[in-house]
Amino acid sequence: MKRTAPKSYTAIYDAIFSRIVQGQFRPIHRIGITSLAQALGVSTTPVREALRQLAGRDLVVERHREGFYLAPLNARAIVSLYDAHEYWMDRALQHALCGVVRAGRHRSLWRSFDSRAAATSDVAIMSIRRYLDDRLAVVRRHESAMLSNMGERAMAFAEALARDDPSVARDLSHSFHEDCRQMAGQLASAFEGQGHGP
């Protein structure tokens, strides 16, 4: 089956980011630019540029004369990232907003976090929260596997936002972030042991 090459730089970046989030690379293995370019059906130049941009977002690291590697993420770093994310979500929840999220079926707590941050129109909140979300995206699938009630949390958080009840939303956010901090060691172990691809 022949793959269609991504048409834009954004599509190439997104494809590589998606592979990172899906756990196709391990921190100890070099990301093969040539094999990744072949898998995407593009030249190595846009792949290298996308990897440099991902390095700027701390998702990969570029080692001089060695290449690109998935950025390491230990338990202490994971705790710090969840601490920072919780802080910025608290800031987003302090903004008085009405009717930002409609009640209903919300499958992703992270999408609700993103919606709330975007609704503030505060550039600092949106930018920093997006950075933290991207950095934590590499453990998201492990997080979902370890927290069996993610759907219920997402629904409760979205309903609190729809009722314009930031106090309840904040309590739910704090509970989620605390649970994630408690399992930071497990998340780090799962991240370190994930499979690798091209």
N, C-alpha and C. Protein backbone atom coordinates (compact mmCIF):
# COMPACT_ATOMS: atom_id res chain seq x y z
N MET A 1 0.84 -1.18 0.00
CA MET A 1 0.00 0.00 0.00
C MET A 1 0.88 1.24 0.00
N LYS A 2 0.69 2.10 -0.96
CA LYS A 2 1.49 3.32 -1.07
C LYS A 2 0.88 4.40 -0.19
N ARG A 3 1.76 5.06 0.59
CA ARG A 3 1.30 6.13 1.46
C ARG A 3 1.35 7.46 0.72
N THR A 4 0.40 8.33 1.02
CA THR A 4 0.39 9.66 0.44
C THR A 4 1.27 10.55 1.29
N ALA A 5 2.17 11.26 0.67
CA ALA A 5 3.08 12.14 1.39
C ALA A 5 2.32 13.33 1.95
N PRO A 6 2.67 13.75 3.17
CA PRO A 6 2.05 14.98 3.70
C PRO A 6 2.38 16.15 2.77
N LYS A 7 1.44 17.02 2.57
CA LYS A 7 1.59 18.10 1.61
C LYS A 7 2.21 19.36 2.21
N SER A 8 2.14 19.51 3.51
CA SER A 8 2.63 20.74 4.11
C SER A 8 3.58 20.44 5.26
N TYR A 9 4.34 21.46 5.61
CA TYR A 9 5.24 21.33 6.75
C TYR A 9 4.44 21.01 8.01
N THR A 10 3.29 21.66 8.17
CA THR A 10 2.44 21.41 9.35
C THR A 10 2.02 19.96 9.42
N ALA A 11 1.68 19.38 8.28
CA ALA A 11 1.28 17.97 8.26
C ALA A 11 2.45 17.06 8.65
N ILE A 12 3.64 17.41 8.22
CA ILE A 12 4.84 16.62 8.57
C ILE A 12 5.10 16.73 10.07
N TYR A 13 5.04 17.96 10.58
CA TYR A 13 5.23 18.19 12.02
C TYR A 13 4.19 17.39 12.82
N ASP A 14 2.93 17.49 12.41
CA ASP A 14 1.85 16.78 13.11
C ASP A 14 2.05 15.27 13.06
N ALA A 15 2.51 14.76 11.92
CA ALA A 15 2.72 13.31 11.79
C ALA A 15 3.83 12.84 12.73
N ILE A 16 4.89 13.62 12.84
CA ILE A 16 5.99 13.25 13.74
C ILE A 16 5.53 13.38 15.20
N PHE A 17 4.84 14.46 15.51
CA PHE A 17 4.32 14.64 16.87
C PHE A 17 3.40 13.48 17.25
N SER A 18 2.55 13.07 16.32
CA SER A 18 1.64 11.95 16.56
C SER A 18 2.41 10.67 16.86
N ARG A 19 3.47 10.42 16.12
CA ARG A 19 4.29 9.23 16.36
C ARG A 19 4.95 9.29 17.74
N ILE A 20 5.37 10.47 18.14
CA ILE A 20 5.96 10.64 19.48
C ILE A 20 4.92 10.33 20.55
N VAL A 21 3.74 10.91 20.41
CA VAL A 21 2.66 10.72 21.39
C VAL A 21 2.22 9.26 21.45
N GLN A 22 2.23 8.57 20.32
CA GLN A 22 1.83 7.17 20.28
C GLN A 22 2.89 6.23 20.85
N GLY A 23 4.03 6.79 21.22
CA GLY A 23 5.08 5.98 21.85
C GLY A 23 5.93 5.19 20.89
N GLN A 24 6.11 5.68 19.68
CA GLN A 24 6.89 4.94 18.69
C GLN A 24 8.39 5.12 18.85
N PHE A 25 8.81 5.99 19.78
CA PHE A 25 10.23 6.21 20.02
C PHE A 25 10.53 6.04 21.50
N ARG A 26 11.77 5.65 21.80
CA ARG A 26 12.24 5.57 23.18
C ARG A 26 13.33 6.60 23.38
N PRO A 27 13.44 7.14 24.59
CA PRO A 27 14.46 8.17 24.83
C PRO A 27 15.89 7.72 24.53
N ILE A 28 16.18 6.45 24.66
CA ILE A 28 17.56 6.00 24.47
C ILE A 28 17.90 5.68 23.01
N HIS A 29 16.92 5.70 22.13
CA HIS A 29 17.17 5.39 20.72
C HIS A 29 17.12 6.64 19.87
N ARG A 30 18.10 6.76 18.98
CA ARG A 30 18.13 7.89 18.06
C ARG A 30 16.94 7.80 17.10
N ILE A 31 16.34 8.93 16.81
CA ILE A 31 15.24 8.99 15.85
C ILE A 31 15.87 9.04 14.46
N GLY A 32 15.65 8.03 13.67
CA GLY A 32 16.25 7.95 12.34
C GLY A 32 15.56 8.89 11.37
N ILE A 33 16.26 9.95 10.99
CA ILE A 33 15.68 10.94 10.09
C ILE A 33 15.37 10.34 8.73
N THR A 34 16.29 9.55 8.20
CA THR A 34 16.08 8.97 6.87
C THR A 34 14.90 8.01 6.86
N SER A 35 14.85 7.12 7.85
CA SER A 35 13.74 6.16 7.88
C SER A 35 12.41 6.85 8.15
N LEU A 36 12.43 7.89 8.98
CA LEU A 36 11.20 8.65 9.24
C LEU A 36 10.75 9.37 7.97
N ALA A 37 11.69 9.97 7.24
CA ALA A 37 11.36 10.65 5.98
C ALA A 37 10.78 9.66 4.98
N GLN A 38 11.37 8.47 4.89
CA GLN A 38 10.84 7.45 3.97
C GLN A 38 9.44 7.02 4.38
N ALA A 39 9.22 6.83 5.67
CA ALA A 39 7.89 6.42 6.15
C ALA A 39 6.84 7.49 5.84
N LEU A 40 7.25 8.76 5.87
CA LEU A 40 6.31 9.86 5.58
C LEU A 40 6.26 10.21 4.10
N GLY A 41 7.19 9.65 3.31
CA GLY A 41 7.21 9.92 1.88
C GLY A 41 7.67 11.32 1.54
N VAL A 42 8.62 11.84 2.34
CA VAL A 42 9.14 13.20 2.11
C VAL A 42 10.66 13.16 2.19
N SER A 43 11.29 14.28 1.88
CA SER A 43 12.75 14.36 2.00
C SER A 43 13.14 14.54 3.46
N THR A 44 14.42 14.43 3.73
CA THR A 44 14.89 14.55 5.11
C THR A 44 14.86 15.99 5.62
N THR A 45 14.90 16.97 4.73
CA THR A 45 14.96 18.37 5.15
C THR A 45 13.75 18.79 6.00
N PRO A 46 12.50 18.57 5.55
CA PRO A 46 11.38 18.98 6.40
C PRO A 46 11.28 18.14 7.68
N VAL A 47 11.74 16.92 7.63
CA VAL A 47 11.75 16.08 8.84
C VAL A 47 12.72 16.65 9.86
N ARG A 48 13.90 17.02 9.39
CA ARG A 48 14.91 17.61 10.28
C ARG A 48 14.39 18.92 10.87
N GLU A 49 13.75 19.74 10.05
CA GLU A 49 13.22 21.02 10.54
C GLU A 49 12.10 20.81 11.56
N ALA A 50 11.24 19.83 11.32
CA ALA A 50 10.17 19.53 12.27
C ALA A 50 10.76 19.04 13.59
N LEU A 51 11.79 18.21 13.51
CA LEU A 51 12.44 17.73 14.73
C LEU A 51 13.10 18.88 15.49
N ARG A 52 13.65 19.84 14.77
CA ARG A 52 14.23 21.01 15.45
C ARG A 52 13.15 21.83 16.15
N GLN A 53 12.00 21.94 15.50
CA GLN A 53 10.90 22.67 16.14
C GLN A 53 10.42 21.90 17.37
N LEU A 54 10.34 20.59 17.29
CA LEU A 54 9.95 19.78 18.44
C LEU A 54 10.99 19.86 19.55
N ALA A 55 12.25 20.03 19.17
CA ALA A 55 13.31 20.24 20.17
C ALA A 55 13.09 21.57 20.88
N GLY A 56 12.62 22.57 20.16
CA GLY A 56 12.31 23.86 20.75
C GLY A 56 11.15 23.79 21.73
N ARG A 57 10.33 22.77 21.60
CA ARG A 57 9.21 22.57 22.52
C ARG A 57 9.54 21.51 23.57
N ASP A 58 10.82 21.12 23.62
CA ASP A 58 11.34 20.18 24.62
C ASP A 58 10.76 18.77 24.50
N LEU A 59 10.29 18.40 23.33
CA LEU A 59 9.78 17.04 23.12
C LEU A 59 10.88 16.10 22.63
N VAL A 60 11.84 16.66 21.92
CA VAL A 60 13.02 15.90 21.50
C VAL A 60 14.25 16.73 21.85
N VAL A 61 15.39 16.08 21.87
CA VAL A 61 16.64 16.79 22.08
C VAL A 61 17.55 16.50 20.89
N GLU A 62 18.31 17.51 20.50
CA GLU A 62 19.27 17.34 19.42
C GLU A 62 20.65 17.28 20.04
N ARG A 63 21.33 16.17 19.82
CA ARG A 63 22.69 16.01 20.32
C ARG A 63 23.65 16.24 19.19
N HIS A 64 24.58 17.14 19.41
CA HIS A 64 25.55 17.52 18.38
C HIS A 64 26.26 16.29 17.83
N ARG A 65 26.23 16.15 16.54
CA ARG A 65 26.87 15.06 15.79
C ARG A 65 26.26 13.68 16.06
N GLU A 66 25.16 13.62 16.80
CA GLU A 66 24.52 12.33 17.07
C GLU A 66 23.12 12.25 16.47
N GLY A 67 22.39 13.33 16.48
CA GLY A 67 21.04 13.32 15.96
C GLY A 67 20.00 13.68 17.01
N PHE A 68 18.78 13.25 16.75
CA PHE A 68 17.64 13.61 17.61
C PHE A 68 17.21 12.41 18.44
N TYR A 69 16.81 12.69 19.67
CA TYR A 69 16.32 11.68 20.59
C TYR A 69 15.07 12.22 21.28
N LEU A 70 14.20 11.32 21.66
CA LEU A 70 13.05 11.71 22.46
C LEU A 70 13.57 12.27 23.78
N ALA A 71 13.05 13.40 24.20
CA ALA A 71 13.51 14.02 25.44
C ALA A 71 13.18 13.12 26.62
N PRO A 72 14.13 12.93 27.54
CA PRO A 72 13.86 12.09 28.71
C PRO A 72 12.83 12.76 29.61
N LEU A 73 12.15 11.94 30.38
CA LEU A 73 11.10 12.45 31.28
C LEU A 73 11.05 11.54 32.50
N ASN A 74 11.65 11.99 33.59
CA ASN A 74 11.65 11.18 34.80
C ASN A 74 10.49 11.58 35.72
N ALA A 75 10.33 10.87 36.82
CA ALA A 75 9.20 11.10 37.73
C ALA A 75 9.20 12.52 38.28
N ARG A 76 10.37 13.03 38.64
CA ARG A 76 10.44 14.40 39.19
C ARG A 76 9.97 15.42 38.16
N ALA A 77 10.39 15.26 36.91
CA ALA A 77 9.97 16.18 35.85
C ALA A 77 8.47 16.07 35.61
N ILE A 78 7.93 14.85 35.65
CA ILE A 78 6.50 14.66 35.45
C ILE A 78 5.71 15.36 36.55
N VAL A 79 6.15 15.22 37.79
CA VAL A 79 5.49 15.91 38.91
C VAL A 79 5.51 17.41 38.68
N SER A 80 6.66 17.95 38.28
CA SER A 80 6.78 19.39 38.03
C SER A 80 5.85 19.86 36.92
N LEU A 81 5.74 19.07 35.86
CA LEU A 81 4.86 19.43 34.76
C LEU A 81 3.39 19.44 35.19
N TYR A 82 2.98 18.42 35.95
CA TYR A 82 1.59 18.41 36.45
C TYR A 82 1.35 19.55 37.43
N ASP A 83 2.34 19.88 38.27
CA ASP A 83 2.21 21.03 39.18
C ASP A 83 1.96 22.31 38.38
N ALA A 84 2.79 22.53 37.36
CA ALA A 84 2.68 23.74 36.55
C ALA A 84 1.35 23.76 35.80
N HIS A 85 0.95 22.61 35.26
CA HIS A 85 -0.32 22.57 34.52
C HIS A 85 -1.48 22.88 35.45
N GLU A 86 -1.46 22.34 36.64
CA GLU A 86 -2.53 22.62 37.61
C GLU A 86 -2.58 24.12 37.94
N TYR A 87 -1.42 24.72 38.15
CA TYR A 87 -1.36 26.15 38.46
C TYR A 87 -2.01 26.97 37.34
N TRP A 88 -1.65 26.67 36.09
CA TRP A 88 -2.20 27.46 34.99
C TRP A 88 -3.67 27.17 34.74
N MET A 89 -4.12 25.97 35.06
CA MET A 89 -5.56 25.70 34.97
C MET A 89 -6.30 26.48 36.05
N ASP A 90 -5.71 26.58 37.24
CA ASP A 90 -6.31 27.42 38.29
C ASP A 90 -6.45 28.85 37.80
N ARG A 91 -5.41 29.35 37.15
CA ARG A 91 -5.46 30.71 36.60
C ARG A 91 -6.59 30.83 35.58
N ALA A 92 -6.73 29.83 34.72
CA ALA A 92 -7.78 29.87 33.70
C ALA A 92 -9.17 29.83 34.35
N LEU A 93 -9.30 29.07 35.43
CA LEU A 93 -10.59 28.95 36.10
C LEU A 93 -10.95 30.19 36.91
N GLN A 94 -10.00 31.07 37.14
CA GLN A 94 -10.28 32.32 37.85
C GLN A 94 -10.96 33.34 36.95
N HIS A 95 -10.86 33.16 35.65
CA HIS A 95 -11.52 34.07 34.71
C HIS A 95 -13.03 33.81 34.75
N ALA A 96 -13.81 34.86 34.89
CA ALA A 96 -15.26 34.72 34.91
C ALA A 96 -15.77 34.57 33.49
N LEU A 97 -16.29 33.38 33.20
CA LEU A 97 -16.80 33.08 31.86
C LEU A 97 -18.16 32.41 31.99
N CYS A 98 -19.03 32.69 31.07
CA CYS A 98 -20.35 32.05 31.11
C CYS A 98 -20.59 31.29 29.81
N GLY A 99 -21.13 30.10 29.94
CA GLY A 99 -21.53 29.32 28.76
C GLY A 99 -20.40 28.94 27.84
N VAL A 100 -19.18 28.80 28.35
CA VAL A 100 -18.03 28.46 27.50
C VAL A 100 -18.13 27.03 27.00
N VAL A 101 -18.53 26.13 27.86
CA VAL A 101 -18.64 24.72 27.50
C VAL A 101 -20.08 24.29 27.74
N ARG A 102 -20.67 23.67 26.74
CA ARG A 102 -22.03 23.16 26.90
C ARG A 102 -21.99 21.79 27.58
N ALA A 103 -23.00 21.54 28.39
CA ALA A 103 -23.09 20.22 29.02
C ALA A 103 -23.33 19.18 27.94
N GLY A 104 -22.92 17.97 28.21
CA GLY A 104 -23.10 16.90 27.24
C GLY A 104 -21.97 15.92 27.32
N ARG A 105 -21.76 15.22 26.26
CA ARG A 105 -20.74 14.17 26.23
C ARG A 105 -19.37 14.76 25.93
N HIS A 106 -18.48 14.68 26.91
CA HIS A 106 -17.11 15.17 26.75
C HIS A 106 -16.18 14.03 27.11
N ARG A 107 -15.50 13.51 26.11
CA ARG A 107 -14.66 12.32 26.31
C ARG A 107 -13.26 12.65 26.79
N SER A 108 -12.81 13.86 26.60
CA SER A 108 -11.42 14.18 26.91
C SER A 108 -11.32 15.32 27.92
N LEU A 109 -10.74 15.01 29.05
CA LEU A 109 -10.49 16.04 30.05
C LEU A 109 -9.49 17.06 29.51
N TRP A 110 -8.51 16.59 28.76
CA TRP A 110 -7.50 17.51 28.21
C TRP A 110 -8.11 18.47 27.20
N ARG A 111 -9.10 18.04 26.44
CA ARG A 111 -9.78 18.96 25.51
C ARG A 111 -10.58 20.00 26.29
N SER A 112 -11.18 19.58 27.40
CA SER A 112 -11.90 20.55 28.24
C SER A 112 -10.93 21.56 28.85
N PHE A 113 -9.76 21.08 29.28
CA PHE A 113 -8.73 22.00 29.78
C PHE A 113 -8.37 23.00 28.69
N ASP A 114 -8.17 22.50 27.48
CA ASP A 114 -7.79 23.35 26.36
C ASP A 114 -8.88 24.37 26.05
N SER A 115 -10.14 23.93 26.06
CA SER A 115 -11.25 24.84 25.78
C SER A 115 -11.33 25.95 26.82
N ARG A 116 -11.16 25.58 28.06
CA ARG A 116 -11.23 26.58 29.13
C ARG A 116 -10.09 27.59 29.00
N ALA A 117 -8.89 27.11 28.74
CA ALA A 117 -7.75 28.02 28.57
C ALA A 117 -7.98 28.95 27.39
N ALA A 118 -8.46 28.42 26.27
CA ALA A 118 -8.70 29.23 25.08
C ALA A 118 -9.78 30.27 25.32
N ALA A 119 -10.78 29.92 26.11
CA ALA A 119 -11.89 30.83 26.38
C ALA A 119 -11.47 32.05 27.20
N THR A 120 -10.34 31.96 27.87
CA THR A 120 -9.87 33.12 28.66
C THR A 120 -9.35 34.24 27.76
N SER A 121 -8.93 33.90 26.55
CA SER A 121 -8.28 34.84 25.61
C SER A 121 -7.00 35.43 26.20
N ASP A 122 -6.47 34.79 27.23
CA ASP A 122 -5.22 35.22 27.86
C ASP A 122 -4.07 34.49 27.18
N VAL A 123 -3.24 35.23 26.47
CA VAL A 123 -2.17 34.64 25.66
C VAL A 123 -1.20 33.84 26.53
N ALA A 124 -0.87 34.35 27.71
CA ALA A 124 0.06 33.63 28.59
C ALA A 124 -0.52 32.29 29.02
N ILE A 125 -1.77 32.29 29.44
CA ILE A 125 -2.42 31.04 29.87
C ILE A 125 -2.46 30.05 28.72
N MET A 126 -2.88 30.51 27.55
CA MET A 126 -3.00 29.60 26.40
C MET A 126 -1.64 29.05 25.98
N SER A 127 -0.63 29.90 25.92
CA SER A 127 0.70 29.48 25.45
C SER A 127 1.37 28.52 26.42
N ILE A 128 1.36 28.87 27.69
CA ILE A 128 2.03 28.03 28.68
C ILE A 128 1.29 26.71 28.85
N ARG A 129 -0.04 26.78 28.88
CA ARG A 129 -0.80 25.54 29.02
C ARG A 129 -0.59 24.63 27.82
N ARG A 130 -0.49 25.20 26.63
CA ARG A 130 -0.24 24.41 25.41
C ARG A 130 1.13 23.75 25.48
N TYR A 131 2.14 24.49 25.93
CA TYR A 131 3.47 23.91 26.09
C TYR A 131 3.42 22.72 27.06
N LEU A 132 2.77 22.92 28.21
CA LEU A 132 2.68 21.86 29.22
C LEU A 132 1.88 20.67 28.69
N ASP A 133 0.80 20.96 27.97
CA ASP A 133 -0.02 19.89 27.38
C ASP A 133 0.81 19.08 26.39
N ASP A 134 1.57 19.76 25.53
CA ASP A 134 2.42 19.05 24.57
C ASP A 134 3.47 18.21 25.29
N ARG A 135 4.07 18.77 26.33
CA ARG A 135 5.12 18.05 27.06
C ARG A 135 4.56 16.82 27.76
N LEU A 136 3.33 16.92 28.27
CA LEU A 136 2.71 15.79 28.95
C LEU A 136 2.03 14.82 27.98
N ALA A 137 1.89 15.22 26.72
CA ALA A 137 1.23 14.36 25.74
C ALA A 137 1.93 13.01 25.59
N VAL A 138 3.25 12.99 25.86
CA VAL A 138 4.00 11.74 25.69
C VAL A 138 3.65 10.70 26.75
N VAL A 139 3.01 11.11 27.84
CA VAL A 139 2.58 10.13 28.85
C VAL A 139 1.06 9.97 28.88
N ARG A 140 0.36 10.66 27.99
CA ARG A 140 -1.11 10.68 28.02
C ARG A 140 -1.73 9.28 27.87
N ARG A 141 -1.20 8.48 26.97
CA ARG A 141 -1.80 7.14 26.80
C ARG A 141 -1.56 6.27 28.02
N HIS A 142 -0.43 6.46 28.69
CA HIS A 142 -0.17 5.71 29.93
C HIS A 142 -1.07 6.23 31.05
N GLU A 143 -1.24 7.53 31.07
CA GLU A 143 -2.13 8.17 32.06
C GLU A 143 -3.55 7.61 31.93
N SER A 144 -4.05 7.54 30.70
CA SER A 144 -5.40 7.01 30.46
C SER A 144 -5.53 5.56 30.88
N ALA A 145 -4.49 4.77 30.66
CA ALA A 145 -4.52 3.36 31.03
C ALA A 145 -4.52 3.19 32.56
N MET A 146 -3.87 4.10 33.26
CA MET A 146 -3.75 3.98 34.72
C MET A 146 -4.93 4.61 35.47
N LEU A 147 -5.61 5.56 34.84
CA LEU A 147 -6.78 6.19 35.45
C LEU A 147 -8.02 5.72 34.69
N SER A 148 -8.71 4.79 35.25
CA SER A 148 -9.83 4.16 34.54
C SER A 148 -11.05 5.07 34.41
N ASN A 149 -11.13 6.12 35.18
CA ASN A 149 -12.33 6.96 35.17
C ASN A 149 -12.14 8.29 34.44
N MET A 150 -11.31 8.32 33.43
CA MET A 150 -11.05 9.57 32.71
C MET A 150 -12.32 10.14 32.07
N GLY A 151 -13.17 9.29 31.53
CA GLY A 151 -14.41 9.76 30.93
C GLY A 151 -15.33 10.44 31.93
N GLU A 152 -15.44 9.84 33.11
CA GLU A 152 -16.27 10.44 34.16
C GLU A 152 -15.69 11.77 34.62
N ARG A 153 -14.38 11.84 34.75
CA ARG A 153 -13.74 13.10 35.15
C ARG A 153 -13.99 14.18 34.10
N ALA A 154 -13.86 13.80 32.82
CA ALA A 154 -14.07 14.76 31.73
C ALA A 154 -15.51 15.28 31.75
N MET A 155 -16.46 14.39 31.94
CA MET A 155 -17.87 14.78 31.97
C MET A 155 -18.15 15.72 33.14
N ALA A 156 -17.65 15.37 34.33
CA ALA A 156 -17.89 16.18 35.52
C ALA A 156 -17.26 17.57 35.37
N PHE A 157 -16.05 17.62 34.81
CA PHE A 157 -15.37 18.90 34.63
C PHE A 157 -16.13 19.77 33.63
N ALA A 158 -16.54 19.18 32.51
CA ALA A 158 -17.29 19.93 31.49
C ALA A 158 -18.63 20.42 32.05
N GLU A 159 -19.29 19.59 32.84
CA GLU A 159 -20.56 20.01 33.43
C GLU A 159 -20.36 21.15 34.42
N ALA A 160 -19.28 21.11 35.20
CA ALA A 160 -18.99 22.21 36.13
C ALA A 160 -18.74 23.51 35.36
N LEU A 161 -18.05 23.41 34.22
CA LEU A 161 -17.82 24.60 33.40
C LEU A 161 -19.13 25.11 32.81
N ALA A 162 -19.98 24.19 32.35
CA ALA A 162 -21.26 24.58 31.76
C ALA A 162 -22.16 25.26 32.79
N ARG A 163 -22.05 24.85 34.05
CA ARG A 163 -22.84 25.48 35.14
C ARG A 163 -22.17 26.75 35.65
N ASP A 164 -21.01 27.08 35.07
CA ASP A 164 -20.20 28.22 35.51
C ASP A 164 -19.90 28.08 37.01
N ASP A 165 -19.40 26.89 37.37
CA ASP A 165 -19.04 26.58 38.75
C ASP A 165 -17.54 26.30 38.84
N PRO A 166 -16.72 27.37 38.85
CA PRO A 166 -15.28 27.18 38.85
C PRO A 166 -14.75 26.49 40.10
N SER A 167 -15.48 26.59 41.20
CA SER A 167 -15.04 25.93 42.44
C SER A 167 -15.03 24.41 42.27
N VAL A 168 -16.10 23.86 41.72
CA VAL A 168 -16.18 22.42 41.49
C VAL A 168 -15.16 22.02 40.43
N ALA A 169 -15.06 22.81 39.36
CA ALA A 169 -14.08 22.51 38.30
C ALA A 169 -12.67 22.51 38.87
N ARG A 170 -12.38 23.46 39.76
CA ARG A 170 -11.05 23.52 40.38
C ARG A 170 -10.80 22.28 41.24
N ASP A 171 -11.80 21.86 42.01
CA ASP A 171 -11.65 20.65 42.83
C ASP A 171 -11.39 19.43 41.96
N LEU A 172 -12.09 19.32 40.86
CA LEU A 172 -11.89 18.20 39.94
C LEU A 172 -10.49 18.25 39.31
N SER A 173 -10.07 19.44 38.94
CA SER A 173 -8.73 19.62 38.36
C SER A 173 -7.66 19.24 39.38
N HIS A 174 -7.83 19.70 40.62
CA HIS A 174 -6.85 19.39 41.67
C HIS A 174 -6.78 17.88 41.91
N SER A 175 -7.93 17.22 41.96
CA SER A 175 -7.97 15.78 42.18
C SER A 175 -7.25 15.03 41.06
N PHE A 176 -7.52 15.42 39.82
CA PHE A 176 -6.88 14.79 38.67
C PHE A 176 -5.37 14.97 38.72
N HIS A 177 -4.92 16.21 38.92
CA HIS A 177 -3.49 16.48 38.94
C HIS A 177 -2.80 15.76 40.10
N GLU A 178 -3.45 15.69 41.25
CA GLU A 178 -2.86 14.98 42.39
C GLU A 178 -2.72 13.49 42.09
N ASP A 179 -3.76 12.89 41.48
CA ASP A 179 -3.68 11.48 41.11
C ASP A 179 -2.52 11.23 40.13
N CYS A 180 -2.34 12.14 39.20
CA CYS A 180 -1.26 12.01 38.22
C CYS A 180 0.10 12.15 38.90
N ARG A 181 0.21 13.09 39.83
CA ARG A 181 1.48 13.22 40.56
C ARG A 181 1.80 11.97 41.36
N GLN A 182 0.76 11.35 41.93
CA GLN A 182 0.96 10.14 42.73
C GLN A 182 1.49 8.98 41.88
N MET A 183 1.12 8.97 40.62
CA MET A 183 1.57 7.86 39.76
C MET A 183 2.71 8.28 38.82
N ALA A 184 3.41 9.36 39.17
CA ALA A 184 4.50 9.87 38.32
C ALA A 184 5.58 8.82 38.09
N GLY A 185 5.91 8.04 39.12
CA GLY A 185 6.92 6.99 38.96
C GLY A 185 6.49 5.95 37.95
N GLN A 186 5.22 5.56 38.01
CA GLN A 186 4.70 4.57 37.06
C GLN A 186 4.68 5.15 35.65
N LEU A 187 4.29 6.42 35.53
CA LEU A 187 4.26 7.06 34.22
C LEU A 187 5.66 7.14 33.62
N ALA A 188 6.64 7.48 34.45
CA ALA A 188 8.03 7.56 33.97
C ALA A 188 8.52 6.19 33.52
N SER A 189 8.20 5.15 34.27
CA SER A 189 8.62 3.79 33.89
C SER A 189 7.96 3.36 32.58
N ALA A 190 6.68 3.64 32.43
CA ALA A 190 5.97 3.29 31.20
C ALA A 190 6.55 4.05 30.02
N PHE A 191 6.84 5.33 30.21
CA PHE A 191 7.42 6.16 29.15
C PHE A 191 8.79 5.63 28.73
N GLU A 192 9.62 5.29 29.69
CA GLU A 192 10.96 4.79 29.39
C GLU A 192 10.92 3.46 28.65
N GLY A 193 9.91 2.63 28.93
CA GLY A 193 9.85 1.30 28.35
C GLY A 193 9.03 1.19 27.09
N GLN A 194 8.49 2.29 26.57
CA GLN A 194 7.62 2.20 25.40
C GLN A 194 8.38 1.75 24.16
N GLY A 195 7.62 1.18 23.23
CA GLY A 195 8.22 0.66 22.00
C GLY A 195 8.73 1.78 21.11
N HIS A 196 9.50 1.41 20.14
CA HIS A 196 10.02 2.41 19.20
C HIS A 196 9.72 2.00 17.78
N GLY A 197 9.65 3.00 16.93
CA GLY A 197 9.33 2.77 15.52
C GLY A 197 10.45 3.20 14.62
N PRO A 198 10.12 3.80 13.49
CA PRO A 198 11.13 4.18 12.51
C PRO A 198 12.07 5.24 13.02
